[in-house]
């Protein structure tokens, strides 16, 4: 299931066709910032493997409608104290496979206080209702959905020292899933089974420093951290492995991400970004699901014409679980997973309020445990209206 040379060649050629040479200036826009903005978007997409099956013979393809509605209200735009109030709706609807649908409804509030010409303090709060189906590691759809309330709080301080810009922030999130009893047949008798909770809360932190070597070139380093605690979800032990009846404990983990990269503007407003990051996750109980991960990403944003914008993104990632093994690969082996992404986003500004879009993404996941393998190709067109 690796991406073949021919497949990558075709995708690359397609991406290059969208960024043919032309004017390097972005699409013109209304320079008057309104106090409110309504954005409505719809994408009609084709997806090749909606259940993420590892077996080619089990792949299910389907059409997908992806819709977004965002209403933003900005207050105090000319004062040191500014506020953003935002409501949004996101829907992924599969006409022929409704159990695969995803939805999200939420509100955000972000007040910002500019306490000096160099610094600002930003608070953030978000409350969302989300729903999606549960797909296990074998690509099979389970008889339940992951419906939850998600709440997030954050505080971020931004401060610049000449050519140096810094960010320091902390956050808290709480994911509260709907746990419902379900009916199962045990020894021929229907009985009520209480589902295990997926609830968790997490503390996060961020530190970033960027240096503008030139007005167009920024080099930066960033650290992201997360400490997550589950209420009921279990983790297996290294000693006994992932077998039913073996000892386990409530899961907790700590994850640290270290990232370095650069952003460079060239020939007007065209931009290229390159980043590399290292992630280390350590679980509380014998580190059974802990892993080390390297990721490399490059994105190019180009304006080949006055009304055109194209973003081409490549991403490669490898994840190694030092202690994770199972009966499929044997106790002496350890699970590893490699990822490869290629994505193209294209916008054509038809008017000041209407934008036509095109989207292509090829996602490939490869592992020594075959049940983690899958490839998914998604492509389509859409429209976005901004008022």
Protein backbone atom coordinates (compact mmCIF):
# COMPACT_ATOMS: atom_id res chain seq x y z
CA UNK A 1 0.00 0.00 0.00
CA UNK A 2 2.98 2.33 -0.45
CA UNK A 3 2.56 5.31 -2.74
CA UNK A 4 4.00 4.25 -6.07
CA UNK A 5 6.31 6.43 -8.11
CA UNK A 6 3.69 6.79 -10.84
CA UNK A 7 1.01 7.83 -8.34
CA UNK A 8 3.25 10.47 -6.78
CA UNK A 9 4.29 11.66 -10.22
CA UNK A 10 0.67 12.11 -11.31
CA UNK A 11 -0.20 13.96 -8.09
CA UNK A 12 2.82 16.21 -8.39
CA UNK A 13 2.03 17.06 -12.00
CA UNK A 14 -1.55 17.86 -10.97
CA UNK A 15 -0.31 20.19 -8.26
CA UNK A 16 2.08 21.93 -10.63
CA UNK A 17 -0.69 22.48 -13.16
CA UNK A 18 -2.56 24.43 -10.50
CA UNK A 19 0.40 26.71 -9.83
CA UNK A 20 1.31 27.67 -13.37
CA UNK A 21 3.26 30.90 -13.67
CA UNK A 22 1.41 34.19 -13.69
CA UNK A 23 0.93 37.30 -11.60
CA UNK A 24 2.39 36.92 -8.11
CA UNK A 25 -0.10 39.21 -6.37
CA UNK A 26 -2.95 37.76 -4.29
CA UNK A 27 -6.59 38.32 -5.05
CA UNK A 28 -7.82 41.79 -4.23
CA UNK A 29 -10.06 42.11 -1.19
CA UNK A 30 -12.11 44.75 0.54
CA UNK A 31 -9.66 46.58 2.78
CA UNK A 32 -12.42 47.80 5.07
CA UNK A 33 -12.70 45.33 7.92
CA UNK A 34 -16.33 44.87 8.81
CA UNK A 35 -17.56 44.34 12.34
CA UNK A 36 -19.06 41.01 11.29
CA UNK A 37 -18.45 38.35 8.69
CA UNK A 38 -20.51 35.37 7.55
CA UNK A 39 -18.73 32.56 5.71
CA UNK A 40 -20.62 29.64 4.14
CA UNK A 41 -18.80 26.82 2.34
CA UNK A 42 -19.65 23.53 0.69
CA UNK A 43 -17.44 20.86 -0.85
CA UNK A 44 -18.65 17.95 -2.97
CA UNK A 45 -16.02 15.27 -2.49
CA UNK A 46 -15.23 11.67 -3.44
CA UNK A 47 -13.46 9.53 -0.83
CA UNK A 48 -11.96 6.16 -1.75
CA UNK A 49 -11.82 4.43 1.66
CA UNK A 50 -14.38 5.88 4.06
CA UNK A 51 -13.94 3.20 6.75
CA UNK A 52 -10.12 3.21 6.56
CA UNK A 53 -9.96 -0.49 5.80
CA UNK A 54 -6.51 -2.07 5.59
CA UNK A 55 -7.62 -4.65 2.99
CA UNK A 56 -7.98 -3.38 -0.58
CA UNK A 57 -10.86 -5.80 -1.14
CA UNK A 58 -12.78 -4.23 1.77
CA UNK A 59 -12.40 -0.60 0.74
CA UNK A 60 -15.67 1.33 0.53
CA UNK A 61 -15.82 4.46 -1.61
CA UNK A 62 -18.51 7.11 -1.36
CA UNK A 63 -19.44 10.69 -2.08
CA UNK A 64 -19.22 13.21 0.73
CA UNK A 65 -20.75 16.64 1.28
CA UNK A 66 -18.67 18.79 3.60
CA UNK A 67 -20.33 22.01 4.78
CA UNK A 68 -19.15 24.84 7.01
CA UNK A 69 -20.87 27.95 8.34
CA UNK A 70 -18.97 30.52 10.42
CA UNK A 71 -20.34 33.79 11.82
CA UNK A 72 -17.72 36.12 13.30
CA UNK A 73 -18.36 39.36 15.19
CA UNK A 74 -15.50 41.70 16.10
CA UNK A 75 -15.85 44.40 18.72
CA UNK A 76 -13.46 47.20 19.68
CA UNK A 77 -11.35 46.89 16.55
CA UNK A 78 -9.81 50.36 17.09
CA UNK A 79 -9.31 50.07 20.86
CA UNK A 80 -6.70 48.26 22.98
CA UNK A 81 -9.40 45.80 24.09
CA UNK A 82 -10.72 43.73 21.20
CA UNK A 83 -13.22 40.88 21.20
CA UNK A 84 -14.03 38.10 18.77
CA UNK A 85 -17.31 36.19 19.08
CA UNK A 86 -17.73 33.29 16.71
CA UNK A 87 -20.30 30.60 16.08
CA UNK A 88 -19.71 27.72 13.68
CA UNK A 89 -21.23 24.58 12.21
CA UNK A 90 -19.30 21.80 10.47
CA UNK A 91 -21.01 18.84 8.79
CA UNK A 92 -19.54 15.85 6.92
CA UNK A 93 -22.46 14.01 5.35
CA UNK A 94 -22.25 10.73 3.41
CA UNK A 95 -25.55 10.35 1.50
CA UNK A 96 -25.23 6.55 1.24
CA UNK A 97 -23.53 5.85 4.59
CA UNK A 98 -25.16 8.02 7.24
CA UNK A 99 -23.41 6.15 10.09
CA UNK A 100 -20.15 7.74 8.89
CA UNK A 101 -21.47 11.29 9.27
CA UNK A 102 -19.66 13.79 11.49
CA UNK A 103 -20.98 17.02 12.94
CA UNK A 104 -19.81 19.89 15.11
CA UNK A 105 -21.60 22.95 16.50
CA UNK A 106 -19.73 25.42 18.63
CA UNK A 107 -19.12 28.94 19.88
CA UNK A 108 -15.85 30.76 20.59
CA UNK A 109 -15.02 33.89 22.56
CA UNK A 110 -11.56 35.48 22.30
CA UNK A 111 -10.90 38.80 24.06
CA UNK A 112 -7.51 40.41 23.41
CA UNK A 113 -5.91 43.20 25.43
CA UNK A 114 -3.05 45.07 23.78
CA UNK A 115 -1.28 46.33 26.89
CA UNK A 116 1.65 47.87 25.00
CA UNK A 117 2.79 48.45 21.41
CA UNK A 118 4.85 45.26 21.72
CA UNK A 119 2.60 42.97 23.74
CA UNK A 120 -0.89 41.56 23.91
CA UNK A 121 -2.72 39.12 26.16
CA UNK A 122 -5.32 36.87 24.56
CA UNK A 123 -7.88 34.69 26.33
CA UNK A 124 -9.88 31.97 24.64
CA UNK A 125 -12.97 29.98 25.43
CA UNK A 126 -14.78 27.43 23.27
CA UNK A 127 -17.77 25.15 23.79
CA UNK A 128 -18.66 22.60 21.11
CA UNK A 129 -20.95 19.66 20.54
CA UNK A 130 -19.32 16.98 18.36
CA UNK A 131 -20.40 13.63 16.99
CA UNK A 132 -18.76 10.95 14.85
CA UNK A 133 -18.86 7.18 14.48
CA UNK A 134 -16.28 4.98 16.13
CA UNK A 135 -13.93 3.13 13.79
CA UNK A 136 -11.61 0.62 15.44
CA UNK A 137 -8.04 -0.23 14.45
CA UNK A 138 -9.30 -2.89 12.03
CA UNK A 139 -11.38 -0.36 10.15
CA UNK A 140 -14.67 -1.78 11.41
CA UNK A 141 -17.56 0.46 12.41
CA UNK A 142 -18.70 -0.11 15.98
CA UNK A 143 -22.29 -0.09 17.24
CA UNK A 144 -21.83 3.24 19.00
CA UNK A 145 -20.97 6.84 18.24
CA UNK A 146 -18.55 9.23 19.85
CA UNK A 147 -20.86 12.05 20.88
CA UNK A 148 -19.40 14.60 23.26
CA UNK A 149 -19.34 18.08 24.71
CA UNK A 150 -15.94 19.70 24.30
CA UNK A 151 -14.86 22.74 26.29
CA UNK A 152 -11.55 24.57 26.02
CA UNK A 153 -9.96 27.46 27.89
CA UNK A 154 -6.66 29.14 27.06
CA UNK A 155 -4.50 32.18 27.75
CA UNK A 156 -1.74 33.39 25.44
CA UNK A 157 0.79 36.18 25.84
CA UNK A 158 2.40 37.64 22.71
CA UNK A 159 5.41 39.93 23.01
CA UNK A 160 7.99 41.18 20.53
CA UNK A 161 11.56 42.37 21.08
CA UNK A 162 12.41 44.08 17.82
CA UNK A 163 12.92 41.29 15.31
CA UNK A 164 12.13 38.60 17.92
CA UNK A 165 8.55 37.55 18.57
CA UNK A 166 7.51 35.31 21.44
CA UNK A 167 4.38 33.41 22.49
CA UNK A 168 3.73 31.73 25.82
CA UNK A 169 0.43 30.07 26.63
CA UNK A 170 -1.40 27.48 28.69
CA UNK A 171 -4.72 25.75 28.21
CA UNK A 172 -7.25 23.35 29.66
CA UNK A 173 -9.68 21.10 27.82
CA UNK A 174 -12.43 18.76 28.94
CA UNK A 175 -14.01 16.17 26.63
CA UNK A 176 -17.23 14.75 28.07
CA UNK A 177 -18.59 11.86 26.00
CA UNK A 178 -22.17 10.61 26.06
CA UNK A 179 -22.08 7.15 27.57
CA UNK A 180 -25.23 5.16 27.02
CA UNK A 181 -26.17 1.68 28.06
CA UNK A 182 -26.58 -0.75 25.19
CA UNK A 183 -28.21 -4.15 24.82
CA UNK A 184 -26.04 -7.22 24.22
CA UNK A 185 -26.78 -10.94 24.13
CA UNK A 186 -24.88 -12.85 26.81
CA UNK A 187 -25.34 -16.65 26.94
CA UNK A 188 -28.45 -16.28 24.79
CA UNK A 189 -30.05 -13.70 27.10
CA UNK A 190 -30.41 -10.00 26.22
CA UNK A 191 -28.81 -7.88 28.92
CA UNK A 192 -27.90 -4.23 29.46
CA UNK A 193 -24.20 -3.43 29.12
CA UNK A 194 -22.75 -0.17 30.40
CA UNK A 195 -20.30 1.38 27.94
CA UNK A 196 -16.84 2.43 29.13
CA UNK A 197 -16.36 6.19 29.28
CA UNK A 198 -13.91 7.89 26.91
CA UNK A 199 -14.01 11.09 29.01
CA UNK A 200 -10.74 12.90 29.60
CA UNK A 201 -9.34 16.25 30.61
CA UNK A 202 -6.02 17.70 29.56
CA UNK A 203 -3.61 20.50 30.43
CA UNK A 204 -1.60 22.01 27.59
CA UNK A 205 1.24 24.51 27.28
CA UNK A 206 3.02 26.29 24.43
CA UNK A 207 6.19 28.33 24.02
CA UNK A 208 7.31 29.79 20.69
CA UNK A 209 10.10 32.12 19.63
CA UNK A 210 10.50 33.44 16.11
CA UNK A 211 13.29 35.56 14.64
CA UNK A 212 12.72 37.68 11.54
CA UNK A 213 16.13 37.37 9.94
CA UNK A 214 14.83 39.59 7.14
CA UNK A 215 11.40 41.15 6.62
CA UNK A 216 10.51 38.10 4.51
CA UNK A 217 12.28 35.29 6.38
CA UNK A 218 11.32 34.00 9.82
CA UNK A 219 13.04 31.14 11.65
CA UNK A 220 11.25 29.75 14.69
CA UNK A 221 11.29 27.12 17.39
CA UNK A 222 8.26 25.87 19.33
CA UNK A 223 7.45 23.55 22.21
CA UNK A 224 3.98 22.06 22.75
CA UNK A 225 3.01 19.94 25.71
CA UNK A 226 -0.02 17.99 26.89
CA UNK A 227 -0.85 16.07 30.06
CA UNK A 228 -4.01 14.01 29.57
CA UNK A 229 -5.98 12.03 32.15
CA UNK A 230 -8.80 9.62 31.30
CA UNK A 231 -11.68 8.73 33.60
CA UNK A 232 -12.13 5.08 32.69
CA UNK A 233 -10.16 4.21 29.57
CA UNK A 234 -7.66 1.41 30.20
CA UNK A 235 -4.10 0.74 29.11
CA UNK A 236 -2.45 -2.67 29.00
CA UNK A 237 0.90 -3.58 30.52
CA UNK A 238 4.20 -4.16 28.77
CA UNK A 239 4.65 -7.38 30.73
CA UNK A 240 1.48 -9.11 29.55
CA UNK A 241 0.56 -7.24 26.37
CA UNK A 242 -2.81 -6.58 24.74
CA UNK A 243 -4.70 -9.75 25.66
CA UNK A 244 -8.11 -10.04 27.26
CA UNK A 245 -7.98 -10.77 30.97
CA UNK A 246 -4.52 -9.26 31.44
CA UNK A 247 -3.86 -6.49 34.00
CA UNK A 248 -4.49 -2.89 33.00
CA UNK A 249 -4.93 0.52 34.61
CA UNK A 250 -6.63 3.85 33.91
CA UNK A 251 -4.70 5.63 31.18
CA UNK A 252 -2.72 8.84 31.54
CA UNK A 253 -0.03 10.21 29.30
CA UNK A 254 2.31 13.15 28.82
CA UNK A 255 3.24 14.32 25.33
CA UNK A 256 5.94 16.81 24.34
CA UNK A 257 6.44 18.22 20.85
CA UNK A 258 9.56 20.10 19.75
CA UNK A 259 9.31 21.89 16.41
CA UNK A 260 11.65 24.00 14.28
CA UNK A 261 10.90 25.62 10.97
CA UNK A 262 11.01 28.62 8.70
CA UNK A 263 8.58 30.76 6.73
CA UNK A 264 9.76 32.66 3.67
CA UNK A 265 7.86 35.09 1.42
CA UNK A 266 9.10 35.49 -2.14
CA UNK A 267 8.05 37.26 -5.33
CA UNK A 268 5.32 39.28 -3.73
CA UNK A 269 3.04 37.38 -1.37
CA UNK A 270 4.04 33.82 -2.28
CA UNK A 271 5.19 31.85 0.73
CA UNK A 272 6.96 28.62 1.59
CA UNK A 273 7.01 26.97 5.00
CA UNK A 274 9.23 24.10 6.12
CA UNK A 275 9.08 22.43 9.51
CA UNK A 276 10.39 19.39 11.36
CA UNK A 277 9.17 18.18 14.72
CA UNK A 278 9.85 15.47 17.23
CA UNK A 279 7.11 14.10 19.49
CA UNK A 280 7.56 11.91 22.54
CA UNK A 281 4.58 10.44 24.38
CA UNK A 282 4.99 8.56 27.64
CA UNK A 283 2.13 6.65 29.24
CA UNK A 284 1.80 6.31 32.99
CA UNK A 285 1.57 2.52 33.17
CA UNK A 286 4.72 0.81 31.90
CA UNK A 287 4.55 3.07 28.82
CA UNK A 288 2.77 0.45 26.70
CA UNK A 289 1.34 2.98 24.22
CA UNK A 290 4.17 5.52 24.45
CA UNK A 291 5.89 6.42 21.19
CA UNK A 292 8.53 8.56 19.51
CA UNK A 293 7.62 10.36 16.30
CA UNK A 294 9.43 12.41 13.67
CA UNK A 295 7.48 14.55 11.22
CA UNK A 296 8.59 16.62 8.23
CA UNK A 297 6.27 19.03 6.44
CA UNK A 298 6.59 21.49 3.58
CA UNK A 299 3.87 23.82 2.31
CA UNK A 300 3.96 26.25 -0.60
CA UNK A 301 1.31 28.96 -0.99
CA UNK A 302 1.31 30.57 -4.43
CA UNK A 303 -0.71 33.26 -6.19
CA UNK A 304 -0.36 32.40 -9.90
CA UNK A 305 -2.91 35.05 -10.87
CA UNK A 306 -4.80 38.01 -9.47
CA UNK A 307 -7.74 35.77 -8.50
CA UNK A 308 -5.91 32.50 -7.86
CA UNK A 309 -4.38 30.93 -4.76
CA UNK A 310 -2.87 27.47 -4.52
CA UNK A 311 -1.46 25.67 -1.48
CA UNK A 312 0.53 22.45 -1.97
CA UNK A 313 1.47 20.47 1.13
CA UNK A 314 3.71 17.43 1.61
CA UNK A 315 3.98 15.63 4.94
CA UNK A 316 5.96 12.55 6.05
CA UNK A 317 5.76 11.07 9.52
CA UNK A 318 7.09 7.96 11.23
CA UNK A 319 5.95 6.72 14.63
CA UNK A 320 7.76 4.06 16.70
CA UNK A 321 6.22 2.34 19.73
CA UNK A 322 9.12 1.07 21.82
CA UNK A 323 6.92 -1.18 23.96
CA UNK A 324 3.78 -1.83 21.90
CA UNK A 325 3.40 -5.37 20.58
CA UNK A 326 0.48 -7.71 19.99
CA UNK A 327 -0.26 -11.24 18.88
CA UNK A 328 -0.30 -10.28 15.18
CA UNK A 329 3.36 -9.23 15.08
CA UNK A 330 4.74 -11.29 17.96
CA UNK A 331 6.11 -10.39 21.35
CA UNK A 332 9.66 -9.82 20.09
CA UNK A 333 8.57 -7.14 17.61
CA UNK A 334 7.38 -3.60 18.17
CA UNK A 335 4.75 -1.65 16.23
CA UNK A 336 5.89 1.08 13.85
CA UNK A 337 3.75 3.25 11.56
CA UNK A 338 4.75 5.45 8.62
CA UNK A 339 2.54 8.15 7.09
CA UNK A 340 2.70 10.09 3.82
CA UNK A 341 0.40 12.95 2.78
CA UNK A 342 0.07 14.97 -0.39
CA UNK A 343 -2.55 17.73 -0.51
CA UNK A 344 -3.55 20.51 -2.90
CA UNK A 345 -5.98 23.33 -2.05
CA UNK A 346 -6.94 25.69 -4.87
CA UNK A 347 -9.06 28.86 -4.66
CA UNK A 348 -10.41 30.94 -7.53
CA UNK A 349 -11.96 34.23 -6.44
CA UNK A 350 -14.96 34.60 -8.73
CA UNK A 351 -16.03 37.87 -7.09
CA UNK A 352 -15.52 39.79 -3.87
CA UNK A 353 -17.87 37.41 -2.06
CA UNK A 354 -17.75 34.12 -4.04
CA UNK A 355 -14.75 31.78 -4.19
CA UNK A 356 -14.58 28.49 -6.11
CA UNK A 357 -12.37 25.77 -4.60
CA UNK A 358 -10.73 22.47 -5.56
CA UNK A 359 -9.27 19.91 -3.18
CA UNK A 360 -7.08 16.80 -3.59
CA UNK A 361 -5.57 14.71 -0.81
CA UNK A 362 -3.80 11.35 -0.84
CA UNK A 363 -3.18 9.81 2.59
CA UNK A 364 -1.12 6.65 3.02
CA UNK A 365 -0.46 4.79 6.27
CA UNK A 366 1.88 1.78 6.43
CA UNK A 367 2.76 -0.41 9.42
CA UNK A 368 4.34 -3.75 10.29
CA UNK A 369 0.94 -4.55 11.84
CA UNK A 370 -1.19 -4.87 8.72
CA UNK A 371 -4.40 -3.84 10.47
CA UNK A 372 -3.03 -0.29 10.80
CA UNK A 373 -2.48 0.05 7.04
CA UNK A 374 -4.78 2.06 4.86
CA UNK A 375 -4.76 4.44 1.92
CA UNK A 376 -7.41 7.09 1.37
CA UNK A 377 -7.78 9.37 -1.64
CA UNK A 378 -10.16 12.34 -1.48
CA UNK A 379 -10.87 14.90 -4.21
CA UNK A 380 -13.59 17.35 -5.17
CA UNK A 381 -14.71 20.91 -5.78
CA UNK A 382 -16.59 23.45 -3.72
CA UNK A 383 -17.80 26.99 -3.26
CA UNK A 384 -17.33 29.52 -0.47
CA UNK A 385 -19.39 32.65 0.07
CA UNK A 386 -18.22 35.47 2.37
CA UNK A 387 -20.52 38.32 3.36
